[in-house]
Amino acid sequence: MSSNATGSRPADAIDCEAALSQLGDYLKHELTPDLAARVRAHVADCAPCFRELRFAERFLTLLQSSGAGVQCPDPLRTRIAEALRAESSDH
């Protein structure tokens, strides 16, 4: 992280706890640009958080690839559609 005039962290820097709590949203691109930049800056300078980020990236990739091509069986899809139609007609 870049230092301010006193040699400490920038005023808007985040700590490990804050960075780690945002990793999921960061990886899904669901953070504001400012918060994403703050997480990115922290992770760039913090080896433990960087390792957590890499682990989370690999984990999400594995989850996404394991579900690729899996579809809901037609009978279940039909039952869900029927239940939704019945629910909407009740209201």
Protein backbone atom coordinates (compact mmCIF):
# COMPACT_ATOMS: atom_id res chain seq x y z
CA MET A 1 0.00 0.00 0.00
CA SER A 2 1.18 3.49 -0.61
CA SER A 3 2.01 5.57 2.42
CA ASN A 4 0.75 8.97 3.35
CA ALA A 5 2.98 11.76 4.66
CA THR A 6 3.26 10.14 8.10
CA GLY A 7 4.36 6.78 6.70
CA SER A 8 1.19 4.94 7.76
CA ARG A 9 -1.63 3.43 5.77
CA PRO A 10 -3.86 5.70 3.68
CA ALA A 11 -6.91 6.92 5.57
CA ASP A 12 -9.23 4.86 3.36
CA ALA A 13 -7.19 1.63 3.64
CA ILE A 14 -8.95 -1.46 4.94
CA ASP A 15 -7.61 -4.11 7.28
CA CYS A 16 -7.51 -7.89 6.86
CA GLU A 17 -10.86 -8.47 8.51
CA ALA A 18 -12.60 -5.99 6.22
CA ALA A 19 -10.83 -7.29 3.11
CA LEU A 20 -11.59 -10.93 3.87
CA SER A 21 -15.24 -10.19 4.60
CA GLN A 22 -15.55 -8.66 1.11
CA LEU A 23 -13.75 -11.35 -0.92
CA GLY A 24 -16.89 -13.12 -2.12
CA ASP A 25 -18.50 -9.93 -3.34
CA TYR A 26 -15.17 -8.79 -4.79
CA LEU A 27 -14.85 -11.97 -6.85
CA LYS A 28 -18.44 -11.65 -8.07
CA HIS A 29 -17.81 -8.00 -9.06
CA GLU A 30 -20.53 -6.83 -6.68
CA LEU A 31 -18.57 -4.12 -4.85
CA THR A 32 -18.58 -0.42 -5.58
CA PRO A 33 -15.55 0.63 -7.62
CA ASP A 34 -14.09 2.41 -4.57
CA LEU A 35 -14.45 -0.58 -2.25
CA ALA A 36 -13.16 -2.97 -4.93
CA ALA A 37 -10.06 -0.78 -5.31
CA ARG A 38 -9.53 -0.78 -1.54
CA VAL A 39 -9.81 -4.58 -1.37
CA ARG A 40 -7.48 -4.93 -4.37
CA ALA A 41 -4.93 -2.58 -2.76
CA HIS A 42 -5.01 -4.47 0.53
CA VAL A 43 -4.69 -7.88 -1.10
CA ALA A 44 -1.80 -6.65 -3.25
CA ASP A 45 0.22 -5.85 -0.12
CA CYS A 46 -0.95 -8.60 2.26
CA ALA A 47 0.36 -12.10 1.55
CA PRO A 48 -2.13 -13.93 3.84
CA CYS A 49 -5.11 -12.13 2.27
CA PHE A 50 -3.67 -12.71 -1.21
CA ARG A 51 -3.52 -16.45 -0.46
CA GLU A 52 -7.14 -16.35 0.73
CA LEU A 53 -8.16 -14.56 -2.46
CA ARG A 54 -6.42 -17.17 -4.63
CA PHE A 55 -8.03 -19.99 -2.65
CA ALA A 56 -11.48 -18.39 -3.01
CA GLU A 57 -10.93 -17.90 -6.76
CA ARG A 58 -10.01 -21.56 -7.22
CA PHE A 59 -12.91 -22.69 -5.03
CA LEU A 60 -15.46 -20.62 -7.00
CA THR A 61 -14.03 -21.88 -10.29
CA LEU A 62 -14.38 -25.46 -9.06
CA LEU A 63 -17.97 -24.87 -7.96
CA GLN A 64 -18.88 -23.28 -11.28
CA SER A 65 -17.30 -26.05 -13.32
CA SER A 66 -18.85 -28.83 -11.25
CA GLY A 67 -22.34 -27.51 -11.96
CA ALA A 68 -21.75 -26.89 -15.65
CA GLY A 69 -24.16 -28.81 -17.81
CA VAL A 70 -26.34 -29.96 -14.91
CA GLN A 71 -30.00 -29.31 -15.56
CA CYS A 72 -33.11 -29.70 -13.54
CA PRO A 73 -34.96 -32.91 -14.52
CA ASP A 74 -38.08 -32.24 -16.64
CA PRO A 75 -40.56 -33.75 -14.13
CA LEU A 76 -39.21 -31.50 -11.38
CA ARG A 77 -39.25 -28.47 -13.69
CA THR A 78 -42.91 -29.21 -14.51
CA ARG A 79 -43.85 -29.52 -10.82
CA ILE A 80 -42.13 -26.24 -10.01
CA ALA A 81 -43.86 -24.44 -12.88
CA GLU A 82 -47.23 -25.83 -11.79
CA ALA A 83 -46.60 -24.78 -8.17
CA LEU A 84 -45.66 -21.29 -9.29
CA ARG A 85 -48.76 -20.99 -11.46
CA ALA A 86 -50.95 -22.17 -8.57
CA GLU A 87 -49.26 -19.72 -6.21
CA SER A 88 -49.75 -16.79 -8.60
CA SER A 89 -53.43 -17.64 -9.20
CA ASP A 90 -54.06 -17.73 -5.41
CA HIS A 91 -53.06 -14.07 -5.13
